[in-house]
Amino acid sequence: MGELLDGFVAQMESEKGKLDISALLNTEEVADWELLVKLFQEIEIANIGKSLKKISKFYNTDRWHELSLLALVKMYELMWKTHKPQLEAIQSKLSTIDGVNPPTDDPSGGMFG
């Protein structure tokens, strides 16, 4: 592993129970890390294209930020492919549960009115 990953794992395994990424980074790296977190939060998994357009429009990114974003998008794709059968099974189970829910006389349709 690299120095950064080794340091992070050491924090995870420490009995102190505290993770502090800023202790492992210099000031510039903290700013880059915080920007990446913000960029990752902007991605809506159900609308990746729209999210990437928004990021491109509103954020001043370097090429490596964009490369990191595209790597995250690829991870989403791989996770989806890997877990698609489980997700479909869950959806199937949920649809059977919806079928056994009794109809209500409440015209508002909400549990609390």
PDB file of N, CA and C in Angstrom:
ATOM      1  N   MET A   1       0.845  -1.186   0.000  1.00  0.00           N
ATOM      2  CA  MET A   1       0.000   0.000   0.000  1.00  0.00           C
ATOM      3  C   MET A   1       0.884   1.240   0.000  1.00  0.00           C
ATOM      4  N   GLY A   2       0.252   2.334  -0.353  1.00  0.00           N
ATOM      5  CA  GLY A   2       0.953   3.605  -0.313  1.00  0.00           C
ATOM      6  C   GLY A   2       0.918   4.205   1.081  1.00  0.00           C
ATOM      7  N   GLU A   3       1.704   5.235   1.255  1.00  0.00           N
ATOM      8  CA  GLU A   3       1.820   5.902   2.556  1.00  0.00           C
ATOM      9  C   GLU A   3       0.465   6.400   3.072  1.00  0.00           C
ATOM     10  N   LEU A   4      -0.318   7.007   2.211  1.00  0.00           N
ATOM     11  CA  LEU A   4      -1.617   7.543   2.613  1.00  0.00           C
ATOM     12  C   LEU A   4      -2.564   6.418   3.035  1.00  0.00           C
ATOM     13  N   LEU A   5      -2.645   5.378   2.219  1.00  0.00           N
ATOM     14  CA  LEU A   5      -3.525   4.254   2.551  1.00  0.00           C
ATOM     15  C   LEU A   5      -3.062   3.550   3.822  1.00  0.00           C
ATOM     16  N   ASP A   6      -1.751   3.379   3.974  1.00  0.00           N
ATOM     17  CA  ASP A   6      -1.215   2.765   5.196  1.00  0.00           C
ATOM     18  C   ASP A   6      -1.611   3.576   6.426  1.00  0.00           C
ATOM     19  N   GLY A   7      -1.483   4.883   6.324  1.00  0.00           N
ATOM     20  CA  GLY A   7      -1.845   5.754   7.445  1.00  0.00           C
ATOM     21  C   GLY A   7      -3.318   5.672   7.770  1.00  0.00           C
ATOM     22  N   PHE A   8      -4.160   5.622   6.746  1.00  0.00           N
ATOM     23  CA  PHE A   8      -5.600   5.542   6.966  1.00  0.00           C
ATOM     24  C   PHE A   8      -5.972   4.212   7.614  1.00  0.00           C
ATOM     25  N   VAL A   9      -5.407   3.123   7.118  1.00  0.00           N
ATOM     26  CA  VAL A   9      -5.679   1.808   7.689  1.00  0.00           C
ATOM     27  C   VAL A   9      -5.199   1.755   9.140  1.00  0.00           C
ATOM     28  N   ALA A  10      -4.050   2.347   9.408  1.00  0.00           N
ATOM     29  CA  ALA A  10      -3.540   2.382  10.785  1.00  0.00           C
ATOM     30  C   ALA A  10      -4.526   3.114  11.696  1.00  0.00           C
ATOM     31  N   GLN A  11      -5.109   4.203  11.213  1.00  0.00           N
ATOM     32  CA  GLN A  11      -6.123   4.921  11.996  1.00  0.00           C
ATOM     33  C   GLN A  11      -7.344   4.038  12.230  1.00  0.00           C
ATOM     34  N   MET A  12      -7.757   3.307  11.192  1.00  0.00           N
ATOM     35  CA  MET A  12      -8.928   2.427  11.315  1.00  0.00           C
ATOM     36  C   MET A  12      -8.695   1.348  12.365  1.00  0.00           C
ATOM     37  N   GLU A  13      -7.485   0.818  12.396  1.00  0.00           N
ATOM     38  CA  GLU A  13      -7.177  -0.287  13.291  1.00  0.00           C
ATOM     39  C   GLU A  13      -6.768   0.177  14.685  1.00  0.00           C
ATOM     40  N   SER A  14      -6.609   1.470  14.857  1.00  0.00           N
ATOM     41  CA  SER A  14      -6.203   2.024  16.141  1.00  0.00           C
ATOM     42  C   SER A  14      -7.324   1.881  17.165  1.00  0.00           C
ATOM     43  N   GLU A  15      -6.948   1.731  18.403  1.00  0.00           N
ATOM     44  CA  GLU A  15      -7.941   1.635  19.478  1.00  0.00           C
ATOM     45  C   GLU A  15      -8.548   2.991  19.819  1.00  0.00           C
ATOM     46  N   LYS A  16      -7.970   4.057  19.289  1.00  0.00           N
ATOM     47  CA  LYS A  16      -8.501   5.395  19.548  1.00  0.00           C
ATOM     48  C   LYS A  16      -9.886   5.567  18.932  1.00  0.00           C
ATOM     49  N   GLY A  17     -10.157   4.810  17.871  1.00  0.00           N
ATOM     50  CA  GLY A  17     -11.469   4.872  17.235  1.00  0.00           C
ATOM     51  C   GLY A  17     -11.742   6.173  16.508  1.00  0.00           C
ATOM     52  N   LYS A  18     -10.696   6.871  16.109  1.00  0.00           N
ATOM     53  CA  LYS A  18     -10.880   8.156  15.434  1.00  0.00           C
ATOM     54  C   LYS A  18     -10.208   8.130  14.071  1.00  0.00           C
ATOM     55  N   LEU A  19     -10.971   8.543  13.058  1.00  0.00           N
ATOM     56  CA  LEU A  19     -10.417   8.698  11.715  1.00  0.00           C
ATOM     57  C   LEU A  19     -10.299  10.185  11.427  1.00  0.00           C
ATOM     58  N   ASP A  20      -9.104  10.618  11.057  1.00  0.00           N
ATOM     59  CA  ASP A  20      -8.864  12.021  10.756  1.00  0.00           C
ATOM     60  C   ASP A  20      -7.999  12.112   9.510  1.00  0.00           C
ATOM     61  N   ILE A  21      -8.658  12.223   8.368  1.00  0.00           N
ATOM     62  CA  ILE A  21      -7.940  12.271   7.094  1.00  0.00           C
ATOM     63  C   ILE A  21      -7.021  13.488   7.023  1.00  0.00           C
ATOM     64  N   SER A  22      -7.410  14.585   7.666  1.00  0.00           N
ATOM     65  CA  SER A  22      -6.591  15.798   7.596  1.00  0.00           C
ATOM     66  C   SER A  22      -5.224  15.618   8.260  1.00  0.00           C
ATOM     67  N   ALA A  23      -5.126  14.660   9.170  1.00  0.00           N
ATOM     68  CA  ALA A  23      -3.829  14.391   9.810  1.00  0.00           C
ATOM     69  C   ALA A  23      -2.852  13.740   8.836  1.00  0.00           C
ATOM     70  N   LEU A  24      -3.367  13.205   7.747  1.00  0.00           N
ATOM     71  CA  LEU A  24      -2.542  12.505   6.762  1.00  0.00           C
ATOM     72  C   LEU A  24      -2.210  13.359   5.544  1.00  0.00           C
ATOM     73  N   LEU A  25      -2.841  14.532   5.442  1.00  0.00           N
ATOM     74  CA  LEU A  25      -2.727  15.360   4.246  1.00  0.00           C
ATOM     75  C   LEU A  25      -2.157  16.728   4.566  1.00  0.00           C
ATOM     76  N   ASN A  26      -1.542  17.346   3.547  1.00  0.00           N
ATOM     77  CA  ASN A  26      -1.143  18.746   3.709  1.00  0.00           C
ATOM     78  C   ASN A  26      -2.348  19.626   3.345  1.00  0.00           C
ATOM     79  N   THR A  27      -2.198  20.923   3.507  1.00  0.00           N
ATOM     80  CA  THR A  27      -3.307  21.859   3.301  1.00  0.00           C
ATOM     81  C   THR A  27      -3.896  21.765   1.902  1.00  0.00           C
ATOM     82  N   GLU A  28      -3.051  21.689   0.892  1.00  0.00           N
ATOM     83  CA  GLU A  28      -3.529  21.603  -0.494  1.00  0.00           C
ATOM     84  C   GLU A  28      -4.271  20.289  -0.730  1.00  0.00           C
ATOM     85  N   GLU A  29      -3.750  19.217  -0.162  1.00  0.00           N
ATOM     86  CA  GLU A  29      -4.400  17.916  -0.323  1.00  0.00           C
ATOM     87  C   GLU A  29      -5.760  17.879   0.371  1.00  0.00           C
ATOM     88  N   VAL A  30      -5.874  18.532   1.518  1.00  0.00           N
ATOM     89  CA  VAL A  30      -7.167  18.605   2.206  1.00  0.00           C
ATOM     90  C   VAL A  30      -8.178  19.311   1.317  1.00  0.00           C
ATOM     91  N   ALA A  31      -7.780  20.404   0.684  1.00  0.00           N
ATOM     92  CA  ALA A  31      -8.680  21.140  -0.217  1.00  0.00           C
ATOM     93  C   ALA A  31      -9.092  20.269  -1.402  1.00  0.00           C
ATOM     94  N   ASP A  32      -8.146  19.538  -1.982  1.00  0.00           N
ATOM     95  CA  ASP A  32      -8.470  18.636  -3.101  1.00  0.00           C
ATOM     96  C   ASP A  32      -9.410  17.527  -2.649  1.00  0.00           C
ATOM     97  N   TRP A  33      -9.150  16.962  -1.486  1.00  0.00           N
ATOM     98  CA  TRP A  33      -9.991  15.885  -0.958  1.00  0.00           C
ATOM     99  C   TRP A  33     -11.409  16.385  -0.713  1.00  0.00           C
ATOM    100  N   GLU A  34     -11.525  17.578  -0.117  1.00  0.00           N
ATOM    101  CA  GLU A  34     -12.848  18.146   0.143  1.00  0.00           C
ATOM    102  C   GLU A  34     -13.597  18.422  -1.157  1.00  0.00           C
ATOM    103  N   LEU A  35     -12.878  18.898  -2.182  1.00  0.00           N
ATOM    104  CA  LEU A  35     -13.516  19.131  -3.477  1.00  0.00           C
ATOM    105  C   LEU A  35     -14.016  17.813  -4.074  1.00  0.00           C
ATOM    106  N   LEU A  36     -13.199  16.779  -4.004  1.00  0.00           N
ATOM    107  CA  LEU A  36     -13.636  15.481  -4.535  1.00  0.00           C
ATOM    108  C   LEU A  36     -14.886  14.986  -3.822  1.00  0.00           C
ATOM    109  N   VAL A  37     -14.932  15.138  -2.515  1.00  0.00           N
ATOM    110  CA  VAL A  37     -16.120  14.711  -1.764  1.00  0.00           C
ATOM    111  C   VAL A  37     -17.344  15.481  -2.247  1.00  0.00           C
ATOM    112  N   LYS A  38     -17.197  16.800  -2.427  1.00  0.00           N
ATOM    113  CA  LYS A  38     -18.313  17.614  -2.939  1.00  0.00           C
ATOM    114  C   LYS A  38     -18.738  17.142  -4.329  1.00  0.00           C
ATOM    115  N   LEU A  39     -17.759  16.885  -5.192  1.00  0.00           N
ATOM    116  CA  LEU A  39     -18.075  16.436  -6.551  1.00  0.00           C
ATOM    117  C   LEU A  39     -18.802  15.096  -6.513  1.00  0.00           C
ATOM    118  N   PHE A  40     -18.332  14.177  -5.696  1.00  0.00           N
ATOM    119  CA  PHE A  40     -18.965  12.859  -5.596  1.00  0.00           C
ATOM    120  C   PHE A  40     -20.398  12.986  -5.084  1.00  0.00           C
ATOM    121  N   GLN A  41     -20.623  13.918  -4.164  1.00  0.00           N
ATOM    122  CA  GLN A  41     -21.976  14.123  -3.635  1.00  0.00           C
ATOM    123  C   GLN A  41     -22.927  14.684  -4.685  1.00  0.00           C
ATOM    124  N   GLU A  42     -22.399  15.353  -5.673  1.00  0.00           N
ATOM    125  CA  GLU A  42     -23.228  15.934  -6.726  1.00  0.00           C
ATOM    126  C   GLU A  42     -23.786  14.879  -7.684  1.00  0.00           C
ATOM    127  N   ILE A  43     -23.183  13.709  -7.707  1.00  0.00           N
ATOM    128  CA  ILE A  43     -23.602  12.698  -8.673  1.00  0.00           C
ATOM    129  C   ILE A  43     -24.862  11.996  -8.186  1.00  0.00           C
ATOM    130  N   GLU A  44     -25.909  12.115  -8.975  1.00  0.00           N
ATOM    131  CA  GLU A  44     -27.159  11.400  -8.721  1.00  0.00           C
ATOM    132  C   GLU A  44     -27.087  10.111  -9.522  1.00  0.00           C
ATOM    133  N   ILE A  45     -27.127   9.004  -8.826  1.00  0.00           N
ATOM    134  CA  ILE A  45     -26.917   7.721  -9.487  1.00  0.00           C
ATOM    135  C   ILE A  45     -27.990   7.439 -10.547  1.00  0.00           C
ATOM    136  N   ALA A  46     -29.158   8.019 -10.383  1.00  0.00           N
ATOM    137  CA  ALA A  46     -30.229   7.808 -11.356  1.00  0.00           C
ATOM    138  C   ALA A  46     -30.120   8.741 -12.558  1.00  0.00           C
ATOM    139  N   ASN A  47     -29.215   9.709 -12.502  1.00  0.00           N
ATOM    140  CA  ASN A  47     -29.075  10.648 -13.613  1.00  0.00           C
ATOM    141  C   ASN A  47     -27.626  11.142 -13.696  1.00  0.00           C
ATOM    142  N   ILE A  48     -26.746  10.222 -14.026  1.00  0.00           N
ATOM    143  CA  ILE A  48     -25.318  10.509 -14.034  1.00  0.00           C
ATOM    144  C   ILE A  48     -24.951  11.556 -15.082  1.00  0.00           C
ATOM    145  N   GLY A  49     -25.513  11.461 -16.275  1.00  0.00           N
ATOM    146  CA  GLY A  49     -25.200  12.418 -17.332  1.00  0.00           C
ATOM    147  C   GLY A  49     -25.527  13.841 -16.929  1.00  0.00           C
ATOM    148  N   LYS A  50     -26.712  14.050 -16.387  1.00  0.00           N
ATOM    149  CA  LYS A  50     -27.124  15.379 -15.936  1.00  0.00           C
ATOM    150  C   LYS A  50     -26.202  15.872 -14.824  1.00  0.00           C
ATOM    151  N   SER A  51     -25.833  14.985 -13.921  1.00  0.00           N
ATOM    152  CA  SER A  51     -24.944  15.351 -12.818  1.00  0.00           C
ATOM    153  C   SER A  51     -23.575  15.783 -13.326  1.00  0.00           C
ATOM    154  N   LEU A  52     -23.034  15.045 -14.286  1.00  0.00           N
ATOM    155  CA  LEU A  52     -21.717  15.401 -14.837  1.00  0.00           C
ATOM    156  C   LEU A  52     -21.763  16.737 -15.572  1.00  0.00           C
ATOM    157  N   LYS A  53     -22.873  17.006 -16.267  1.00  0.00           N
ATOM    158  CA  LYS A  53     -23.029  18.311 -16.934  1.00  0.00           C
ATOM    159  C   LYS A  53     -23.038  19.438 -15.908  1.00  0.00           C
ATOM    160  N   LYS A  54     -23.751  19.228 -14.810  1.00  0.00           N
ATOM    161  CA  LYS A  54     -23.834  20.234 -13.749  1.00  0.00           C
ATOM    162  C   LYS A  54     -22.451  20.479 -13.142  1.00  0.00           C
ATOM    163  N   ILE A  55     -21.727  19.413 -12.864  1.00  0.00           N
ATOM    164  CA  ILE A  55     -20.382  19.540 -12.303  1.00  0.00           C
ATOM    165  C   ILE A  55     -19.482  20.314 -13.260  1.00  0.00           C
ATOM    166  N   SER A  56     -19.554  19.974 -14.535  1.00  0.00           N
ATOM    167  CA  SER A  56     -18.726  20.638 -15.539  1.00  0.00           C
ATOM    168  C   SER A  56     -19.028  22.131 -15.615  1.00  0.00           C
ATOM    169  N   LYS A  57     -20.295  22.470 -15.442  1.00  0.00           N
ATOM    170  CA  LYS A  57     -20.721  23.859 -15.543  1.00  0.00           C
ATOM    171  C   LYS A  57     -20.348  24.681 -14.305  1.00  0.00           C
ATOM    172  N   PHE A  58     -20.480  24.100 -13.112  1.00  0.00           N
ATOM    173  CA  PHE A  58     -20.359  24.889 -11.892  1.00  0.00           C
ATOM    174  C   PHE A  58     -19.050  24.726 -11.116  1.00  0.00           C
ATOM    175  N   TYR A  59     -18.253  23.729 -11.450  1.00  0.00           N
ATOM    176  CA  TYR A  59     -17.015  23.507 -10.708  1.00  0.00           C
ATOM    177  C   TYR A  59     -15.805  23.697 -11.617  1.00  0.00           C
ATOM    178  N   ASN A  60     -14.763  24.257 -11.059  1.00  0.00           N
ATOM    179  CA  ASN A  60     -13.499  24.406 -11.763  1.00  0.00           C
ATOM    180  C   ASN A  60     -12.643  23.184 -11.426  1.00  0.00           C
ATOM    181  N   THR A  61     -12.656  22.203 -12.301  1.00  0.00           N
ATOM    182  CA  THR A  61     -11.962  20.949 -12.015  1.00  0.00           C
ATOM    183  C   THR A  61     -10.708  20.808 -12.866  1.00  0.00           C
ATOM    184  N   ASP A  62      -9.754  20.104 -12.303  1.00  0.00           N
ATOM    185  CA  ASP A  62      -8.567  19.712 -13.054  1.00  0.00           C
ATOM    186  C   ASP A  62      -8.860  18.374 -13.726  1.00  0.00           C
ATOM    187  N   ARG A  63      -8.007  18.009 -14.630  1.00  0.00           N
ATOM    188  CA  ARG A  63      -8.185  16.749 -15.348  1.00  0.00           C
ATOM    189  C   ARG A  63      -8.236  15.558 -14.387  1.00  0.00           C
ATOM    190  N   TRP A  64      -7.394  15.559 -13.344  1.00  0.00           N
ATOM    191  CA  TRP A  64      -7.383  14.419 -12.430  1.00  0.00           C
ATOM    192  C   TRP A  64      -8.662  14.343 -11.606  1.00  0.00           C
ATOM    193  N   HIS A  65      -9.327  15.501 -11.356  1.00  0.00           N
ATOM    194  CA  HIS A  65     -10.635  15.474 -10.698  1.00  0.00           C
ATOM    195  C   HIS A  65     -11.644  14.763 -11.607  1.00  0.00           C
ATOM    196  N   GLU A  66     -11.596  15.121 -12.872  1.00  0.00           N
ATOM    197  CA  GLU A  66     -12.515  14.533 -13.845  1.00  0.00           C
ATOM    198  C   GLU A  66     -12.239  13.041 -14.011  1.00  0.00           C
ATOM    199  N   LEU A  67     -10.975  12.665 -14.011  1.00  0.00           N
ATOM    200  CA  LEU A  67     -10.610  11.251 -14.082  1.00  0.00           C
ATOM    201  C   LEU A  67     -11.149  10.502 -12.863  1.00  0.00           C
ATOM    202  N   SER A  68     -11.058  11.119 -11.706  1.00  0.00           N
ATOM    203  CA  SER A  68     -11.590  10.513 -10.476  1.00  0.00           C
ATOM    204  C   SER A  68     -13.108  10.353 -10.561  1.00  0.00           C
ATOM    205  N   LEU A  69     -13.786  11.358 -11.104  1.00  0.00           N
ATOM    206  CA  LEU A  69     -15.242  11.272 -11.278  1.00  0.00           C
ATOM    207  C   LEU A  69     -15.621  10.130 -12.224  1.00  0.00           C
ATOM    208  N   LEU A  70     -14.899  10.030 -13.324  1.00  0.00           N
ATOM    209  CA  LEU A  70     -15.201   8.964 -14.282  1.00  0.00           C
ATOM    210  C   LEU A  70     -14.899   7.591 -13.699  1.00  0.00           C
ATOM    211  N   ALA A  71     -13.888   7.500 -12.838  1.00  0.00           N
ATOM    212  CA  ALA A  71     -13.606   6.232 -12.155  1.00  0.00           C
ATOM    213  C   ALA A  71     -14.763   5.882 -11.211  1.00  0.00           C
ATOM    214  N   LEU A  72     -15.312   6.879 -10.531  1.00  0.00           N
ATOM    215  CA  LEU A  72     -16.458   6.634  -9.652  1.00  0.00           C
ATOM    216  C   LEU A  72     -17.672   6.176 -10.462  1.00  0.00           C
ATOM    217  N   VAL A  73     -17.910   6.817 -11.598  1.00  0.00           N
ATOM    218  CA  VAL A  73     -19.029   6.414 -12.463  1.00  0.00           C
ATOM    219  C   VAL A  73     -18.841   4.960 -12.906  1.00  0.00           C
ATOM    220  N   LYS A  74     -17.623   4.588 -13.252  1.00  0.00           N
ATOM    221  CA  LYS A  74     -17.340   3.202 -13.644  1.00  0.00           C
ATOM    222  C   LYS A  74     -17.613   2.256 -12.477  1.00  0.00           C
ATOM    223  N   MET A  75     -17.256   2.663 -11.267  1.00  0.00           N
ATOM    224  CA  MET A  75     -17.523   1.835 -10.091  1.00  0.00           C
ATOM    225  C   MET A  75     -19.028   1.633  -9.902  1.00  0.00           C
ATOM    226  N   TYR A  76     -19.797   2.712 -10.104  1.00  0.00           N
ATOM    227  CA  TYR A  76     -21.262   2.576 -10.025  1.00  0.00           C
ATOM    228  C   TYR A  76     -21.752   1.538 -11.033  1.00  0.00           C
ATOM    229  N   GLU A  77     -21.239   1.613 -12.258  1.00  0.00           N
ATOM    230  CA  GLU A  77     -21.631   0.671 -13.305  1.00  0.00           C
ATOM    231  C   GLU A  77     -21.282  -0.767 -12.900  1.00  0.00           C
ATOM    232  N   LEU A  78     -20.066  -0.969 -12.417  1.00  0.00           N
ATOM    233  CA  LEU A  78     -19.639  -2.316 -12.024  1.00  0.00           C
ATOM    234  C   LEU A  78     -20.445  -2.836 -10.842  1.00  0.00           C
ATOM    235  N   MET A  79     -20.723  -1.963  -9.888  1.00  0.00           N
ATOM    236  CA  MET A  79     -21.527  -2.382  -8.735  1.00  0.00           C
ATOM    237  C   MET A  79     -22.939  -2.755  -9.185  1.00  0.00           C
ATOM    238  N   TRP A  80     -23.493  -1.973 -10.103  1.00  0.00           N
ATOM    239  CA  TRP A  80     -24.835  -2.264 -10.612  1.00  0.00           C
ATOM    240  C   TRP A  80     -24.859  -3.633 -11.298  1.00  0.00           C
ATOM    241  N   LYS A  81     -23.877  -3.876 -12.170  1.00  0.00           N
ATOM    242  CA  LYS A  81     -23.821  -5.155 -12.880  1.00  0.00           C
ATOM    243  C   LYS A  81     -23.644  -6.319 -11.915  1.00  0.00           C
ATOM    244  N   THR A  82     -22.785  -6.140 -10.933  1.00  0.00           N
ATOM    245  CA  THR A  82     -22.508  -7.203  -9.971  1.00  0.00           C
ATOM    246  C   THR A  82     -23.731  -7.531  -9.128  1.00  0.00           C
ATOM    247  N   HIS A  83     -24.475  -6.517  -8.737  1.00  0.00           N
ATOM    248  CA  HIS A  83     -25.577  -6.709  -7.797  1.00  0.00           C
ATOM    249  C   HIS A  83     -26.959  -6.660  -8.452  1.00  0.00           C
ATOM    250  N   LYS A  84     -27.008  -6.617  -9.768  1.00  0.00           N
ATOM    251  CA  LYS A  84     -28.299  -6.530 -10.462  1.00  0.00           C
ATOM    252  C   LYS A  84     -29.237  -7.683 -10.102  1.00  0.00           C
ATOM    253  N   PRO A  85     -28.766  -8.932 -10.040  1.00  0.00           N
ATOM    254  CA  PRO A  85     -29.690 -10.009  -9.666  1.00  0.00           C
ATOM    255  C   PRO A  85     -30.289  -9.826  -8.266  1.00  0.00           C
ATOM    256  N   GLN A  86     -29.476  -9.371  -7.317  1.00  0.00           N
ATOM    257  CA  GLN A  86     -29.987  -9.149  -5.965  1.00  0.00           C
ATOM    258  C   GLN A  86     -30.990  -7.996  -5.938  1.00  0.00           C
ATOM    259  N   LEU A  87     -30.702  -6.936  -6.683  1.00  0.00           N
ATOM    260  CA  LEU A  87     -31.615  -5.802  -6.737  1.00  0.00           C
ATOM    261  C   LEU A  87     -32.946  -6.191  -7.376  1.00  0.00           C
ATOM    262  N   GLU A  88     -32.878  -6.994  -8.418  1.00  0.00           N
ATOM    263  CA  GLU A  88     -34.108  -7.458  -9.056  1.00  0.00           C
ATOM    264  C   GLU A  88     -34.894  -8.366  -8.122  1.00  0.00           C
ATOM    265  N   ALA A  89     -34.213  -9.202  -7.340  1.00  0.00           N
ATOM    266  CA  ALA A  89     -34.890 -10.070  -6.381  1.00  0.00           C
ATOM    267  C   ALA A  89     -35.579  -9.245  -5.298  1.00  0.00           C
ATOM    268  N   ILE A  90     -34.914  -8.206  -4.845  1.00  0.00           N
ATOM    269  CA  ILE A  90     -35.520  -7.325  -3.839  1.00  0.00           C
ATOM    270  C   ILE A  90     -36.751  -6.650  -4.419  1.00  0.00           C
ATOM    271  N   GLN A  91     -36.636  -6.159  -5.649  1.00  0.00           N
ATOM    272  CA  GLN A  91     -37.775  -5.511  -6.296  1.00  0.00           C
ATOM    273  C   GLN A  91     -38.940  -6.480  -6.430  1.00  0.00           C
ATOM    274  N   SER A  92     -38.653  -7.719  -6.788  1.00  0.00           N
ATOM    275  CA  SER A  92     -39.698  -8.729  -6.911  1.00  0.00           C
ATOM    276  C   SER A  92     -40.385  -8.973  -5.572  1.00  0.00           C
ATOM    277  N   LYS A  93     -39.600  -9.075  -4.512  1.00  0.00           N
ATOM    278  CA  LYS A  93     -40.172  -9.268  -3.165  1.00  0.00           C
ATOM    279  C   LYS A  93     -41.019  -8.080  -2.758  1.00  0.00           C
ATOM    280  N   LEU A  94     -40.542  -6.867  -3.040  1.00  0.00           N
ATOM    281  CA  LEU A  94     -41.296  -5.678  -2.685  1.00  0.00           C
ATOM    282  C   LEU A  94     -42.622  -5.613  -3.430  1.00  0.00           C
ATOM    283  N   SER A  95     -42.632  -6.048  -4.675  1.00  0.00           N
ATOM    284  CA  SER A  95     -43.887  -6.014  -5.433  1.00  0.00           C
ATOM    285  C   SER A  95     -44.898  -7.000  -4.862  1.00  0.00           C
ATOM    286  N   THR A  96     -44.448  -8.129  -4.321  1.00  0.00           N
ATOM    287  CA  THR A  96     -45.390  -9.067  -3.700  1.00  0.00           C
ATOM    288  C   THR A  96     -45.907  -8.505  -2.382  1.00  0.00           C
ATOM    289  N   ILE A  97     -45.073  -7.775  -1.676  1.00  0.00           N
ATOM    290  CA  ILE A  97     -45.527  -7.152  -0.427  1.00  0.00           C
ATOM    291  C   ILE A  97     -46.583  -6.104  -0.727  1.00  0.00           C
ATOM    292  N   ASP A  98     -46.374  -5.309  -1.766  1.00  0.00           N
ATOM    293  CA  ASP A  98     -47.358  -4.300  -2.142  1.00  0.00           C
ATOM    294  C   ASP A  98     -48.699  -4.941  -2.481  1.00  0.00           C
ATOM    295  N   GLY A  99     -48.653  -6.159  -3.001  1.00  0.00           N
ATOM    296  CA  GLY A  99     -49.890  -6.846  -3.373  1.00  0.00           C
ATOM    297  C   GLY A  99     -50.707  -7.320  -2.184  1.00  0.00           C
ATOM    298  N   VAL A 100     -50.110  -7.462  -1.024  1.00  0.00           N
ATOM    299  CA  VAL A 100     -50.853  -7.945   0.145  1.00  0.00           C
ATOM    300  C   VAL A 100     -51.280  -6.820   1.068  1.00  0.00           C
ATOM    301  N   ASN A 101     -50.868  -5.603   0.792  1.00  0.00           N
ATOM    302  CA  ASN A 101     -51.301  -4.477   1.616  1.00  0.00           C
ATOM    303  C   ASN A 101     -52.773  -4.203   1.358  1.00  0.00           C
ATOM    304  N   PRO A 102     -53.569  -4.128   2.410  1.00  0.00           N
ATOM    305  CA  PRO A 102     -55.005  -3.889   2.214  1.00  0.00           C
ATOM    306  C   PRO A 102     -55.256  -2.462   1.744  1.00  0.00           C
ATOM    307  N   PRO A 103     -56.280  -2.282   0.930  1.00  0.00           N
ATOM    308  CA  PRO A 103     -56.632  -0.922   0.505  1.00  0.00           C
ATOM    309  C   PRO A 103     -57.154  -0.130   1.703  1.00  0.00           C
ATOM    310  N   THR A 104     -56.992   1.167   1.662  1.00  0.00           N
ATOM    311  CA  THR A 104     -57.478   2.009   2.756  1.00  0.00           C
ATOM    312  C   THR A 104     -58.637   2.852   2.265  1.00  0.00           C
ATOM    313  N   ASP A 105     -59.458   3.297   3.214  1.00  0.00           N
ATOM    314  CA  ASP A 105     -60.553   4.186   2.892  1.00  0.00           C
ATOM    315  C   ASP A 105     -60.143   5.656   2.996  1.00  0.00           C
ATOM    316  N   ASP A 106     -58.877   5.880   3.379  1.00  0.00           N
ATOM    317  CA  ASP A 106     -58.372   7.235   3.555  1.00  0.00           C
ATOM    318  C   ASP A 106     -58.151   7.867   2.178  1.00  0.00           C
ATOM    319  N   PRO A 107     -58.940   8.893   1.818  1.00  0.00           N
ATOM    320  CA  PRO A 107     -58.798   9.501   0.489  1.00  0.00           C
ATOM    321  C   PRO A 107     -57.476  10.244   0.285  1.00  0.00           C
ATOM    322  N   SER A 108     -56.827  10.637   1.369  1.00  0.00           N
ATOM    323  CA  SER A 108     -55.594  11.401   1.191  1.00  0.00           C
ATOM    324  C   SER A 108     -54.443  10.475   0.805  1.00  0.00           C
ATOM    325  N   GLY A 109     -54.587   9.187   1.090  1.00  0.00           N
ATOM    326  CA  GLY A 109     -53.570   8.230   0.700  1.00  0.00           C
ATOM    327  C   GLY A 109     -52.369   8.214   1.599  1.00  0.00           C
ATOM    328  N   GLY A 110     -52.284   9.112   2.557  1.00  0.00           N
ATOM    329  CA  GLY A 110     -51.126   9.153   3.433  1.00  0.00           C
ATOM    330  C   GLY A 110     -51.404   8.517   4.776  1.00  0.00           C
ATOM    331  N   MET A 111     -50.372   8.051   5.384  1.00  0.00           N
ATOM    332  CA  MET A 111     -50.496   7.411   6.677  1.00  0.00           C
ATOM    333  C   MET A 111     -50.915   8.425   7.743  1.00  0.00           C
ATOM    334  N   PHE A 112     -50.453   9.653   7.609  1.00  0.00           N
ATOM    335  CA  PHE A 112     -50.724  10.662   8.625  1.00  0.00           C
ATOM    336  C   PHE A 112     -51.608  11.787   8.123  1.00  0.00           C
ATOM    337  N   GLY A 113     -52.345  11.533   7.048  1.00  0.00           N
ATOM    338  CA  GLY A 113     -53.286  12.539   6.606  1.00  0.00           C
ATOM    339  C   GLY A 113     -52.874  13.401   5.496  1.00  0.00           C
TER     340      GLY A 113
END
